[in-house]
Amino acid sequence: MALIANHTKEKLAAGELALGLGLRLARMPEIAKIAAVCGYDWLFVDLEHGAFSVDTAAQICAAALDAGISPIPRASAHEHFHATRLLDAGAQGIVVPHVDSQAQAEAVRDNCLYPPVGRRSVAGGMAQLEYEALPTGEAARLINSATLTVVMIETEEAVEAADAIAAVEGIDALLIGTNDLCATMGIPGQFGHDRVTDAYDRVVSAARNSGKHAGMGGVYDEELAGRYIGMGARLVLGGNDLPLLMGAARARADFLRGLV
């Protein structure tokens, strides 16, 4: 079969942890291989907060396919082309930020998946299909089956609508953006607050009840990460390149200066 497997979607289907690495600084395609070697399952190429061009993101996505790590970028906003240009260029999924309602989730589905599930415009020459020329209907079916469609839950309104959002056909995962959720709740940075724990409980339950997956972003404290993963979060952002680089660089500098 020409289709390149989406290892992240397969891991989630098996109930396993799918660990993502966020990219804000990295620009070279080598980051895909580096992340795979380091044990990550997917790349979160951040076009919402990162200064990536679509061209750079596309090159990273293509490299990720060959490296065996799933390229799943975050779109910058809700316009259809924010998602489809990346999907057409090799992304195996898309994360759409700030989805607060069933109607918005349905629009994400329509933008990201081909008919009969969605309304995405048909493109040819797909890297995900090894550029093999397949009948249009077969190509659309294969791409739909391997595309991970993720919506971000970042407000109390979205938490309230979690059941309706999770029930939308074609939506695969609800990823809690914990940083923005705390900010919109008026408790910025309080990731362990009872209201946040309650939000995780509600979103995880909504996802599970609809046969979907729950995700966690923005939580890097080990105790809290353990709490929310223990509750059922499986699509997990393990960190991003900026703090990981700074942490390693600081540790090395402190070690070397400590030798004198």
C-alpha atoms as a PDB file:
ATOM      1  CA  MET A   1       0.000   0.000   0.000  1.00  0.00           C
ATOM      2  CA  ALA A   2       1.290   3.477  -0.850  1.00  0.00           C
ATOM      3  CA  LEU A   3       0.003   5.060   2.369  1.00  0.00           C
ATOM      4  CA  ILE A   4       2.631   6.005   4.959  1.00  0.00           C
ATOM      5  CA  ALA A   5       1.346   4.885   8.354  1.00  0.00           C
ATOM      6  CA  ASN A   6       0.395   7.509  10.908  1.00  0.00           C
ATOM      7  CA  HIS A   7       2.165   6.015  13.918  1.00  0.00           C
ATOM      8  CA  THR A   8       0.611   8.508  16.315  1.00  0.00           C
ATOM      9  CA  LYS A   9      -2.922   7.658  15.268  1.00  0.00           C
ATOM     10  CA  GLU A  10      -2.083   3.964  15.595  1.00  0.00           C
ATOM     11  CA  LYS A  11      -0.665   4.448  19.097  1.00  0.00           C
ATOM     12  CA  LEU A  12      -3.734   6.319  20.233  1.00  0.00           C
ATOM     13  CA  ALA A  13      -6.007   3.622  18.830  1.00  0.00           C
ATOM     14  CA  ALA A  14      -4.053   1.091  20.899  1.00  0.00           C
ATOM     15  CA  GLY A  15      -4.510   3.181  24.051  1.00  0.00           C
ATOM     16  CA  GLU A  16      -0.819   4.088  24.205  1.00  0.00           C
ATOM     17  CA  LEU A  17       0.845   7.393  25.005  1.00  0.00           C
ATOM     18  CA  ALA A  18       1.669   9.464  21.917  1.00  0.00           C
ATOM     19  CA  LEU A  19       4.405  11.914  22.846  1.00  0.00           C
ATOM     20  CA  GLY A  20       4.866  15.129  20.881  1.00  0.00           C
ATOM     21  CA  LEU A  21       7.727  17.595  20.599  1.00  0.00           C
ATOM     22  CA  GLY A  22       6.783  21.227  20.066  1.00  0.00           C
ATOM     23  CA  LEU A  23       8.810  23.224  17.544  1.00  0.00           C
ATOM     24  CA  ARG A  24       9.252  26.970  17.873  1.00  0.00           C
ATOM     25  CA  LEU A  25      12.920  27.533  17.032  1.00  0.00           C
ATOM     26  CA  ALA A  26      13.925  24.615  14.811  1.00  0.00           C
ATOM     27  CA  ARG A  27      13.896  25.363  11.093  1.00  0.00           C
ATOM     28  CA  MET A  28      15.940  22.563   9.494  1.00  0.00           C
ATOM     29  CA  PRO A  29      14.357  19.258   8.385  1.00  0.00           C
ATOM     30  CA  GLU A  30      16.911  17.358  10.529  1.00  0.00           C
ATOM     31  CA  ILE A  31      14.745  18.092  13.579  1.00  0.00           C
ATOM     32  CA  ALA A  32      12.378  15.336  12.437  1.00  0.00           C
ATOM     33  CA  LYS A  33      15.028  12.634  12.660  1.00  0.00           C
ATOM     34  CA  ILE A  34      16.403  14.088  15.898  1.00  0.00           C
ATOM     35  CA  ALA A  35      12.974  13.988  17.539  1.00  0.00           C
ATOM     36  CA  ALA A  36      12.358  10.428  16.375  1.00  0.00           C
ATOM     37  CA  VAL A  37      15.737   9.266  17.700  1.00  0.00           C
ATOM     38  CA  CYS A  38      14.928  10.921  21.044  1.00  0.00           C
ATOM     39  CA  GLY A  39      11.756   8.871  21.398  1.00  0.00           C
ATOM     40  CA  TYR A  40       8.994  11.242  20.301  1.00  0.00           C
ATOM     41  CA  ASP A  41       6.026  10.112  18.227  1.00  0.00           C
ATOM     42  CA  TRP A  42       4.866  13.359  16.629  1.00  0.00           C
ATOM     43  CA  LEU A  43       6.033  16.851  15.777  1.00  0.00           C
ATOM     44  CA  PHE A  44       3.959  19.831  16.857  1.00  0.00           C
ATOM     45  CA  VAL A  45       5.110  22.428  14.317  1.00  0.00           C
ATOM     46  CA  ASP A  46       3.624  25.552  15.861  1.00  0.00           C
ATOM     47  CA  LEU A  47       2.328  28.008  13.281  1.00  0.00           C
ATOM     48  CA  GLU A  48       0.151  29.779  15.841  1.00  0.00           C
ATOM     49  CA  HIS A  49       2.985  31.088  18.019  1.00  0.00           C
ATOM     50  CA  GLY A  50       6.018  30.243  15.897  1.00  0.00           C
ATOM     51  CA  ALA A  51       7.342  32.364  13.030  1.00  0.00           C
ATOM     52  CA  PHE A  52       7.397  29.451  10.570  1.00  0.00           C
ATOM     53  CA  SER A  53       6.571  29.974   6.944  1.00  0.00           C
ATOM     54  CA  VAL A  54       4.347  27.384   5.294  1.00  0.00           C
ATOM     55  CA  ASP A  55       7.321  26.418   3.131  1.00  0.00           C
ATOM     56  CA  THR A  56       9.536  25.665   6.141  1.00  0.00           C
ATOM     57  CA  ALA A  57       6.752  23.751   7.875  1.00  0.00           C
ATOM     58  CA  ALA A  58       6.176  21.733   4.692  1.00  0.00           C
ATOM     59  CA  GLN A  59       9.845  20.740   4.500  1.00  0.00           C
ATOM     60  CA  ILE A  60       9.787  19.563   8.117  1.00  0.00           C
ATOM     61  CA  CYS A  61       6.584  17.594   7.469  1.00  0.00           C
ATOM     62  CA  ALA A  62       8.104  15.841   4.445  1.00  0.00           C
ATOM     63  CA  ALA A  63      11.236  14.956   6.420  1.00  0.00           C
ATOM     64  CA  ALA A  64       9.128  13.639   9.283  1.00  0.00           C
ATOM     65  CA  LEU A  65       7.373  11.155   6.995  1.00  0.00           C
ATOM     66  CA  ASP A  66      10.703   9.587   6.069  1.00  0.00           C
ATOM     67  CA  ALA A  67      11.961   9.716   9.676  1.00  0.00           C
ATOM     68  CA  GLY A  68       8.993   7.716  10.967  1.00  0.00           C
ATOM     69  CA  ILE A  69       7.575  10.484  13.161  1.00  0.00           C
ATOM     70  CA  SER A  70       4.118  11.934  12.554  1.00  0.00           C
ATOM     71  CA  PRO A  71       4.052  15.571  11.395  1.00  0.00           C
ATOM     72  CA  ILE A  72       1.041  17.157  13.112  1.00  0.00           C
ATOM     73  CA  PRO A  73       1.383  20.956  12.969  1.00  0.00           C
ATOM     74  CA  ARG A  74      -0.798  23.496  14.727  1.00  0.00           C
ATOM     75  CA  ALA A  75      -2.647  25.777  12.339  1.00  0.00           C
ATOM     76  CA  SER A  76      -2.443  29.496  12.949  1.00  0.00           C
ATOM     77  CA  ALA A  77      -6.223  30.017  12.919  1.00  0.00           C
ATOM     78  CA  HIS A  78      -9.521  28.658  11.594  1.00  0.00           C
ATOM     79  CA  GLU A  79      -9.472  29.551   7.888  1.00  0.00           C
ATOM     80  CA  HIS A  80      -9.530  26.379   5.794  1.00  0.00           C
ATOM     81  CA  PHE A  81      -6.203  27.141   4.092  1.00  0.00           C
ATOM     82  CA  HIS A  82      -4.422  27.367   7.440  1.00  0.00           C
ATOM     83  CA  ALA A  83      -4.934  23.604   7.660  1.00  0.00           C
ATOM     84  CA  THR A  84      -5.177  22.356   4.086  1.00  0.00           C
ATOM     85  CA  ARG A  85      -1.910  23.845   2.807  1.00  0.00           C
ATOM     86  CA  LEU A  86      -0.060  21.896   5.497  1.00  0.00           C
ATOM     87  CA  LEU A  87      -2.067  18.712   4.933  1.00  0.00           C
ATOM     88  CA  ASP A  88      -1.474  18.959   1.186  1.00  0.00           C
ATOM     89  CA  ALA A  89       2.264  19.334   1.879  1.00  0.00           C
ATOM     90  CA  GLY A  90       2.607  16.129   3.923  1.00  0.00           C
ATOM     91  CA  ALA A  91       1.136  16.697   7.382  1.00  0.00           C
ATOM     92  CA  GLN A  92      -0.518  13.587   8.822  1.00  0.00           C
ATOM     93  CA  GLY A  93      -2.777  15.613  11.046  1.00  0.00           C
ATOM     94  CA  ILE A  94      -3.627  19.086  12.160  1.00  0.00           C
ATOM     95  CA  VAL A  95      -4.175  20.784  15.512  1.00  0.00           C
ATOM     96  CA  VAL A  96      -6.653  23.667  15.385  1.00  0.00           C
ATOM     97  CA  PRO A  97      -6.529  26.108  18.318  1.00  0.00           C
ATOM     98  CA  HIS A  98      -9.401  27.789  20.165  1.00  0.00           C
ATOM     99  CA  VAL A  99     -12.303  25.501  19.268  1.00  0.00           C
ATOM    100  CA  ASP A 100     -15.174  26.403  21.587  1.00  0.00           C
ATOM    101  CA  SER A 101     -18.263  24.807  20.062  1.00  0.00           C
ATOM    102  CA  GLN A 102     -19.707  21.933  18.092  1.00  0.00           C
ATOM    103  CA  ALA A 103     -20.170  24.219  15.085  1.00  0.00           C
ATOM    104  CA  GLN A 104     -16.486  25.178  15.111  1.00  0.00           C
ATOM    105  CA  ALA A 105     -15.491  21.520  15.430  1.00  0.00           C
ATOM    106  CA  GLU A 106     -17.685  20.657  12.457  1.00  0.00           C
ATOM    107  CA  ALA A 107     -15.974  23.388  10.426  1.00  0.00           C
ATOM    108  CA  VAL A 108     -12.582  21.914  11.353  1.00  0.00           C
ATOM    109  CA  ARG A 109     -13.768  18.495  10.195  1.00  0.00           C
ATOM    110  CA  ASP A 110     -15.091  19.906   6.942  1.00  0.00           C
ATOM    111  CA  ASN A 111     -11.833  21.748   6.269  1.00  0.00           C
ATOM    112  CA  CYS A 112      -9.519  18.828   7.038  1.00  0.00           C
ATOM    113  CA  LEU A 113     -11.225  15.738   5.635  1.00  0.00           C
ATOM    114  CA  TYR A 114     -12.296  14.799   2.134  1.00  0.00           C
ATOM    115  CA  PRO A 115     -15.893  13.947   1.184  1.00  0.00           C
ATOM    116  CA  PRO A 116     -17.982  12.136   2.163  1.00  0.00           C
ATOM    117  CA  VAL A 117     -16.835  12.939   5.728  1.00  0.00           C
ATOM    118  CA  GLY A 118     -15.766  16.546   5.144  1.00  0.00           C
ATOM    119  CA  ARG A 119     -15.508  19.101   2.366  1.00  0.00           C
ATOM    120  CA  ARG A 120     -11.774  19.429   1.836  1.00  0.00           C
ATOM    121  CA  SER A 121     -10.719  20.262  -1.702  1.00  0.00           C
ATOM    122  CA  VAL A 122      -9.046  17.340  -3.475  1.00  0.00           C
ATOM    123  CA  ALA A 123      -5.307  17.658  -4.082  1.00  0.00           C
ATOM    124  CA  GLY A 124      -2.976  15.409  -6.065  1.00  0.00           C
ATOM    125  CA  GLY A 125       0.634  14.378  -5.628  1.00  0.00           C
ATOM    126  CA  MET A 126       0.476  13.527  -1.925  1.00  0.00           C
ATOM    127  CA  ALA A 127       3.676  12.816   0.005  1.00  0.00           C
ATOM    128  CA  GLN A 128       1.623  10.703   2.423  1.00  0.00           C
ATOM    129  CA  LEU A 129       0.877   8.387  -0.530  1.00  0.00           C
ATOM    130  CA  GLU A 130       4.509   8.289  -1.696  1.00  0.00           C
ATOM    131  CA  TYR A 131       3.312  10.422  -4.636  1.00  0.00           C
ATOM    132  CA  GLU A 132       1.628   7.372  -6.144  1.00  0.00           C
ATOM    133  CA  ALA A 133      -1.158   8.123  -8.608  1.00  0.00           C
ATOM    134  CA  LEU A 134      -4.269   6.485  -7.165  1.00  0.00           C
ATOM    135  CA  PRO A 135      -7.928   6.802  -8.131  1.00  0.00           C
ATOM    136  CA  THR A 136      -9.281   9.948  -6.503  1.00  0.00           C
ATOM    137  CA  GLY A 137     -11.800   8.138  -4.332  1.00  0.00           C
ATOM    138  CA  GLU A 138      -9.225   5.648  -3.074  1.00  0.00           C
ATOM    139  CA  ALA A 139      -6.696   8.379  -2.353  1.00  0.00           C
ATOM    140  CA  ALA A 140      -9.291  10.380  -0.398  1.00  0.00           C
ATOM    141  CA  ARG A 141     -10.287   7.330   1.645  1.00  0.00           C
ATOM    142  CA  LEU A 142      -6.695   6.500   2.527  1.00  0.00           C
ATOM    143  CA  ILE A 143      -5.776  10.061   3.454  1.00  0.00           C
ATOM    144  CA  ASN A 144      -8.904  10.422   5.617  1.00  0.00           C
ATOM    145  CA  SER A 145      -8.099   7.188   7.440  1.00  0.00           C
ATOM    146  CA  ALA A 146      -4.592   8.351   8.327  1.00  0.00           C
ATOM    147  CA  THR A 147      -5.301  11.991   9.186  1.00  0.00           C
ATOM    148  CA  LEU A 148      -5.444  12.907  12.874  1.00  0.00           C
ATOM    149  CA  THR A 149      -7.823  15.818  13.392  1.00  0.00           C
ATOM    150  CA  VAL A 150      -7.266  17.553  16.726  1.00  0.00           C
ATOM    151  CA  VAL A 151      -9.149  20.460  18.278  1.00  0.00           C
ATOM    152  CA  MET A 152      -7.828  22.456  21.209  1.00  0.00           C
ATOM    153  CA  ILE A 153      -9.923  23.044  24.324  1.00  0.00           C
ATOM    154  CA  GLU A 154      -8.745  26.340  25.803  1.00  0.00           C
ATOM    155  CA  THR A 155     -11.732  28.022  27.480  1.00  0.00           C
ATOM    156  CA  GLU A 156     -14.445  27.178  29.982  1.00  0.00           C
ATOM    157  CA  GLU A 157     -16.909  27.486  27.111  1.00  0.00           C
ATOM    158  CA  ALA A 158     -15.056  24.729  25.268  1.00  0.00           C
ATOM    159  CA  VAL A 159     -14.993  22.529  28.380  1.00  0.00           C
ATOM    160  CA  GLU A 160     -18.765  22.981  28.718  1.00  0.00           C
ATOM    161  CA  ALA A 161     -19.180  21.948  25.077  1.00  0.00           C
ATOM    162  CA  ALA A 162     -16.731  19.030  25.285  1.00  0.00           C
ATOM    163  CA  ASP A 163     -19.380  16.324  24.872  1.00  0.00           C
ATOM    164  CA  ALA A 164     -20.815  17.968  21.753  1.00  0.00           C
ATOM    165  CA  ILE A 165     -17.348  18.627  20.319  1.00  0.00           C
ATOM    166  CA  ALA A 166     -16.200  15.047  20.939  1.00  0.00           C
ATOM    167  CA  ALA A 167     -19.321  13.687  19.250  1.00  0.00           C
ATOM    168  CA  VAL A 168     -18.475  15.350  15.904  1.00  0.00           C
ATOM    169  CA  GLU A 169     -17.666  12.741  13.281  1.00  0.00           C
ATOM    170  CA  GLY A 170     -14.132  13.143  11.996  1.00  0.00           C
ATOM    171  CA  ILE A 171     -12.726  14.774  15.125  1.00  0.00           C
ATOM    172  CA  ASP A 172     -10.151  12.413  16.632  1.00  0.00           C
ATOM    173  CA  ALA A 173      -8.817  14.177  19.712  1.00  0.00           C
ATOM    174  CA  LEU A 174      -9.501  16.995  22.153  1.00  0.00           C
ATOM    175  CA  LEU A 175      -6.223  18.561  23.279  1.00  0.00           C
ATOM    176  CA  ILE A 176      -6.418  20.742  26.376  1.00  0.00           C
ATOM    177  CA  GLY A 177      -4.290  23.865  26.043  1.00  0.00           C
ATOM    178  CA  THR A 178      -3.742  24.176  29.768  1.00  0.00           C
ATOM    179  CA  ASN A 179      -1.932  27.496  29.680  1.00  0.00           C
ATOM    180  CA  ASP A 180      -4.692  29.319  27.821  1.00  0.00           C
ATOM    181  CA  LEU A 181      -7.365  27.477  29.785  1.00  0.00           C
ATOM    182  CA  CYS A 182      -5.909  28.727  33.057  1.00  0.00           C
ATOM    183  CA  ALA A 183      -5.590  32.247  31.663  1.00  0.00           C
ATOM    184  CA  THR A 184      -9.198  32.390  30.491  1.00  0.00           C
ATOM    185  CA  MET A 185     -10.340  30.977  33.835  1.00  0.00           C
ATOM    186  CA  GLY A 186      -8.614  33.838  35.620  1.00  0.00           C
ATOM    187  CA  ILE A 187      -6.081  31.541  37.304  1.00  0.00           C
ATOM    188  CA  PRO A 188      -3.024  31.960  35.052  1.00  0.00           C
ATOM    189  CA  GLY A 189      -0.263  29.444  35.654  1.00  0.00           C
ATOM    190  CA  GLN A 190      -2.209  27.483  38.274  1.00  0.00           C
ATOM    191  CA  PHE A 191      -2.066  24.189  36.380  1.00  0.00           C
ATOM    192  CA  GLY A 192      -2.871  22.109  39.447  1.00  0.00           C
ATOM    193  CA  HIS A 193      -5.961  24.100  40.444  1.00  0.00           C
ATOM    194  CA  ASP A 194      -9.095  22.068  41.234  1.00  0.00           C
ATOM    195  CA  ARG A 195     -10.943  23.765  38.384  1.00  0.00           C
ATOM    196  CA  VAL A 196      -8.275  22.584  35.959  1.00  0.00           C
ATOM    197  CA  THR A 197      -8.448  19.046  37.304  1.00  0.00           C
ATOM    198  CA  ASP A 198     -12.232  19.163  36.900  1.00  0.00           C
ATOM    199  CA  ALA A 199     -11.797  20.385  33.313  1.00  0.00           C
ATOM    200  CA  TYR A 200      -9.489  17.465  32.539  1.00  0.00           C
ATOM    201  CA  ASP A 201     -11.976  15.059  34.060  1.00  0.00           C
ATOM    202  CA  ARG A 202     -14.779  16.462  31.945  1.00  0.00           C
ATOM    203  CA  VAL A 203     -12.822  16.521  28.674  1.00  0.00           C
ATOM    204  CA  VAL A 204     -11.319  13.062  29.171  1.00  0.00           C
ATOM    205  CA  SER A 205     -14.778  11.659  29.921  1.00  0.00           C
ATOM    206  CA  ALA A 206     -16.296  13.374  26.882  1.00  0.00           C
ATOM    207  CA  ALA A 207     -13.566  12.008  24.626  1.00  0.00           C
ATOM    208  CA  ARG A 208     -13.836   8.512  26.035  1.00  0.00           C
ATOM    209  CA  ASN A 209     -17.642   8.468  25.732  1.00  0.00           C
ATOM    210  CA  SER A 210     -17.388   9.244  22.005  1.00  0.00           C
ATOM    211  CA  GLY A 211     -14.502   6.879  21.312  1.00  0.00           C
ATOM    212  CA  LYS A 212     -12.091   9.790  20.877  1.00  0.00           C
ATOM    213  CA  HIS A 213      -8.801  10.731  22.564  1.00  0.00           C
ATOM    214  CA  ALA A 214      -7.909  13.367  25.140  1.00  0.00           C
ATOM    215  CA  GLY A 215      -4.685  15.339  25.048  1.00  0.00           C
ATOM    216  CA  MET A 216      -2.541  17.497  27.311  1.00  0.00           C
ATOM    217  CA  GLY A 217      -0.499  20.541  26.394  1.00  0.00           C
ATOM    218  CA  GLY A 218       1.399  23.040  28.503  1.00  0.00           C
ATOM    219  CA  VAL A 219       1.903  20.857  31.585  1.00  0.00           C
ATOM    220  CA  TYR A 220       5.557  20.036  32.241  1.00  0.00           C
ATOM    221  CA  ASP A 221       5.571  19.634  36.018  1.00  0.00           C
ATOM    222  CA  GLU A 222       6.174  15.914  36.583  1.00  0.00           C
ATOM    223  CA  GLU A 223       3.592  15.496  39.338  1.00  0.00           C
ATOM    224  CA  LEU A 224       0.854  17.296  37.415  1.00  0.00           C
ATOM    225  CA  ALA A 225       1.726  15.557  34.156  1.00  0.00           C
ATOM    226  CA  GLY A 226       1.382  12.263  35.978  1.00  0.00           C
ATOM    227  CA  ARG A 227      -1.987  13.350  37.332  1.00  0.00           C
ATOM    228  CA  TYR A 228      -3.502  14.219  33.967  1.00  0.00           C
ATOM    229  CA  ILE A 229      -1.959  11.304  32.089  1.00  0.00           C
ATOM    230  CA  GLY A 230      -3.277   9.071  34.855  1.00  0.00           C
ATOM    231  CA  MET A 231      -6.734  10.516  34.233  1.00  0.00           C
ATOM    232  CA  GLY A 232      -6.512   9.486  30.584  1.00  0.00           C
ATOM    233  CA  ALA A 233      -4.640  12.098  28.549  1.00  0.00           C
ATOM    234  CA  ARG A 234      -2.818  10.232  25.790  1.00  0.00           C
ATOM    235  CA  LEU A 235      -1.954  12.801  23.080  1.00  0.00           C
ATOM    236  CA  VAL A 236       0.718  14.545  25.114  1.00  0.00           C
ATOM    237  CA  LEU A 237       3.010  17.461  24.357  1.00  0.00           C
ATOM    238  CA  GLY A 238       6.243  16.612  26.134  1.00  0.00           C
ATOM    239  CA  GLY A 239       7.820  20.048  25.758  1.00  0.00           C
ATOM    240  CA  ASN A 240       9.130  22.370  23.092  1.00  0.00           C
ATOM    241  CA  ASP A 241      12.536  23.105  21.701  1.00  0.00           C
ATOM    242  CA  LEU A 242      13.123  26.497  23.369  1.00  0.00           C
ATOM    243  CA  PRO A 243      12.928  25.477  27.070  1.00  0.00           C
ATOM    244  CA  LEU A 244      14.562  22.120  26.361  1.00  0.00           C
ATOM    245  CA  LEU A 245      17.519  23.856  24.702  1.00  0.00           C
ATOM    246  CA  MET A 246      17.753  26.455  27.444  1.00  0.00           C
ATOM    247  CA  GLY A 247      17.590  23.833  30.184  1.00  0.00           C
ATOM    248  CA  ALA A 248      20.355  21.738  28.651  1.00  0.00           C
ATOM    249  CA  ALA A 249      22.489  24.795  27.858  1.00  0.00           C
ATOM    250  CA  ARG A 250      22.171  26.181  31.378  1.00  0.00           C
ATOM    251  CA  ALA A 251      22.996  22.819  32.928  1.00  0.00           C
ATOM    252  CA  ARG A 252      26.129  22.507  30.769  1.00  0.00           C
ATOM    253  CA  ALA A 253      27.275  26.041  31.548  1.00  0.00           C
ATOM    254  CA  ASP A 254      26.746  25.526  35.295  1.00  0.00           C
ATOM    255  CA  PHE A 255      28.687  22.251  35.168  1.00  0.00           C
ATOM    256  CA  LEU A 256      31.663  23.750  33.323  1.00  0.00           C
ATOM    257  CA  ARG A 257      31.833  26.853  35.524  1.00  0.00           C
ATOM    258  CA  GLY A 258      31.634  24.639  38.558  1.00  0.00           C
ATOM    259  CA  LEU A 259      34.907  22.953  37.572  1.00  0.00           C
ATOM    260  CA  VAL A 260      36.948  26.112  38.233  1.00  0.00           C
END
